[in-house]
Protein backbone atom coordinates (compact mmCIF):
# COMPACT_ATOMS: atom_id res chain seq x y z
CA UNK A 1 9.12 0.49 -21.48
CA UNK A 2 10.20 -2.72 -22.24
CA UNK A 3 9.99 -5.66 -19.91
CA UNK A 4 14.04 -6.02 -19.69
CA UNK A 5 13.90 -1.88 -19.00
CA UNK A 6 11.67 -2.66 -16.36
CA UNK A 7 13.41 -5.83 -14.73
CA UNK A 8 16.42 -3.43 -14.75
CA UNK A 9 14.77 -0.51 -13.24
CA UNK A 10 13.84 -2.67 -10.54
CA UNK A 11 16.95 -4.22 -10.11
CA UNK A 12 18.26 -0.70 -9.06
CA UNK A 13 15.55 0.08 -6.88
CA UNK A 14 15.75 -3.21 -5.10
CA UNK A 15 19.79 -2.34 -4.62
CA UNK A 16 18.41 1.07 -3.38
CA UNK A 17 16.35 -0.77 -0.95
CA UNK A 18 19.32 -2.07 0.83
CA UNK A 19 21.05 1.27 1.17
CA UNK A 20 21.89 2.03 4.95
CA UNK A 21 20.80 5.67 4.45
CA UNK A 22 16.96 6.08 5.27
CA UNK A 23 16.54 8.48 2.28
CA UNK A 24 17.03 5.87 0.05
CA UNK A 25 15.37 3.25 1.20
CA UNK A 26 11.99 5.50 1.03
CA UNK A 27 12.88 6.86 -2.11
CA UNK A 28 13.16 3.08 -3.11
CA UNK A 29 9.70 2.13 -1.68
CA UNK A 30 7.91 5.32 -3.11
CA UNK A 31 9.67 4.22 -6.88
CA UNK A 32 9.16 0.47 -6.53
CA UNK A 33 5.32 0.62 -5.66
CA UNK A 34 5.19 1.56 -9.49
CA UNK A 35 6.64 -1.58 -10.26
CA UNK A 36 4.62 -3.49 -7.74
CA UNK A 37 3.99 -6.36 -10.38
CA UNK A 38 7.27 -6.91 -11.64
CA UNK A 39 9.13 -10.26 -10.34
CA UNK A 40 11.04 -9.08 -7.27
CA UNK A 41 9.40 -5.88 -6.48
CA UNK A 42 7.23 -7.29 -4.18
CA UNK A 43 9.72 -9.04 -1.94
CA UNK A 44 11.41 -5.98 -1.60
CA UNK A 45 8.41 -3.87 -1.06
CA UNK A 46 7.51 -6.09 2.00
CA UNK A 47 10.68 -5.69 3.41
CA UNK A 48 10.33 -1.90 3.01
CA UNK A 49 6.79 -1.92 4.96
CA UNK A 50 8.27 -3.48 7.73
CA UNK A 51 11.97 -1.64 8.04
CA UNK A 52 13.64 -1.92 10.79
CA UNK A 53 15.37 0.84 10.82
CA UNK A 54 12.90 3.58 10.64
CA UNK A 55 8.88 3.57 10.16
CA UNK A 56 9.25 6.61 7.91
CA UNK A 57 10.24 4.18 5.06
CA UNK A 58 7.06 2.06 6.32
CA UNK A 59 4.59 4.87 5.67
CA UNK A 60 6.18 6.06 2.79
CA UNK A 61 6.19 2.73 1.14
CA UNK A 62 2.73 2.08 2.23
CA UNK A 63 1.53 5.54 0.94
CA UNK A 64 3.11 5.02 -2.69
CA UNK A 65 1.64 1.13 -2.79
CA UNK A 66 -1.96 2.45 -1.75
CA UNK A 67 -1.86 5.29 -4.22
CA UNK A 68 -2.17 2.82 -6.98
CA UNK A 69 -5.44 2.07 -5.99
CA UNK A 70 -5.37 -1.25 -7.31
CA UNK A 71 -5.50 -4.97 -6.35
CA UNK A 72 -1.68 -5.27 -6.21
CA UNK A 73 -0.90 -2.08 -4.22
CA UNK A 74 -3.99 -3.02 -1.77
CA UNK A 75 -2.81 -6.76 -1.38
CA UNK A 76 0.73 -5.96 -0.78
CA UNK A 77 -0.35 -3.66 2.01
CA UNK A 78 -2.79 -6.02 3.22
CA UNK A 79 -0.55 -8.92 3.48
CA UNK A 80 2.40 -6.49 5.10
CA UNK A 81 -0.38 -6.03 7.90
CA UNK A 82 -0.60 -9.66 8.73
CA UNK A 83 2.76 -9.69 9.98
CA UNK A 84 3.67 -6.16 10.98
CA UNK A 85 4.26 -5.29 14.66
CA UNK A 86 2.09 -2.62 16.49
CA UNK A 87 4.60 0.11 15.52
CA UNK A 88 4.73 -0.49 11.65
CA UNK A 89 0.66 -0.92 12.08
CA UNK A 90 -0.11 2.15 13.33
CA UNK A 91 2.19 4.03 10.48
CA UNK A 92 0.63 1.58 7.83
CA UNK A 93 -2.68 2.82 9.39
CA UNK A 94 -1.31 6.39 9.04
CA UNK A 95 -0.55 5.65 4.79
CA UNK A 96 -4.32 4.81 4.58
CA UNK A 97 -5.55 7.99 6.26
CA UNK A 98 -3.39 9.88 4.19
CA UNK A 99 -4.94 8.27 0.48
CA UNK A 100 -8.51 7.93 1.45
CA UNK A 101 -9.70 10.73 3.69
CA UNK A 102 -10.48 13.22 1.36
CA UNK A 103 -12.42 11.52 -1.58
CA UNK A 104 -15.29 9.32 -0.65
CA UNK A 105 -15.46 7.65 -4.08
CA UNK A 106 -11.82 6.41 -3.82
CA UNK A 107 -12.55 5.10 0.05
CA UNK A 108 -15.69 3.02 -1.50
CA UNK A 109 -13.92 1.88 -4.50
CA UNK A 110 -10.80 0.79 -1.78
CA UNK A 111 -13.37 -0.89 0.37
CA UNK A 112 -14.84 -2.88 -2.49
CA UNK A 113 -11.37 -4.11 -3.70
CA UNK A 114 -10.84 -5.28 -0.01
CA UNK A 115 -14.17 -7.01 0.05
CA UNK A 116 -12.78 -8.48 -3.29
CA UNK A 117 -9.46 -9.28 -1.72
CA UNK A 118 -10.91 -10.71 1.45
CA UNK A 119 -12.74 -13.50 -0.39
CA UNK A 120 -9.65 -14.80 -2.06
CA UNK A 121 -7.77 -17.95 -0.88
CA UNK A 122 -5.16 -16.46 -0.15
CA UNK A 123 -5.14 -16.79 4.24
CA UNK A 124 -2.65 -13.69 4.71
CA UNK A 125 -4.25 -11.37 2.42
CA UNK A 126 -7.49 -12.16 3.53
CA UNK A 127 -6.66 -11.40 6.73
CA UNK A 128 -4.98 -8.39 6.20
CA UNK A 129 -7.78 -7.27 3.95
CA UNK A 130 -10.10 -7.54 6.73
CA UNK A 131 -8.11 -5.40 8.55
CA UNK A 132 -7.98 -2.67 5.86
CA UNK A 133 -11.72 -3.15 5.63
CA UNK A 134 -11.86 -1.92 9.17
CA UNK A 135 -9.72 1.16 8.93
CA UNK A 136 -11.69 2.18 5.72
CA UNK A 137 -14.52 1.73 7.23
CA UNK A 138 -13.95 4.01 9.93
CA UNK A 139 -12.68 6.77 7.54
CA UNK A 140 -15.44 9.55 7.20
CA UNK A 141 -13.86 11.57 3.90
CA UNK A 142 -14.14 14.75 3.33
CA UNK A 143 -15.48 15.02 0.01
CA UNK A 144 -18.61 13.38 -0.93
CA UNK A 145 -20.39 13.21 -4.66
CA UNK A 146 -22.98 15.87 -4.43
CA UNK A 147 -26.59 14.60 -4.33
CA UNK A 148 -29.43 16.15 -6.16
CA UNK A 149 -32.45 16.87 -3.49
CA UNK A 150 -34.43 18.12 -6.40
CA UNK A 151 -34.77 14.36 -8.03
């Protein structure tokens, strides 16, 4: 996809993010997460994670960003955590559980990425990454790698 087309998609999704319908805002959050690194998407995603009208949008947007399983998505969620009220923080925590409860290797990779983010210069991301590390550290994933006891 060309840069022009990506920018046009983000512009359309930002428009959808401003909809009065919670379903439109949730769709915008899920879809914008795919374009998180495109200029303009970050501000809209932050607003959706802290949606004043419906925490369903918070959960859906945070889940989509976390499912990216990269530094961009984790940094955006970390940043939102530092300014979230208790209710929004609880729903972001639920999204963390939704994404990282199953596979130990995915949880472990997210922990490593958050450690790297916590060592960065941005204070807000540093604080949020520490919160994510705490959340991730408390997760006991369902599936772990098989260990060979005969080695």
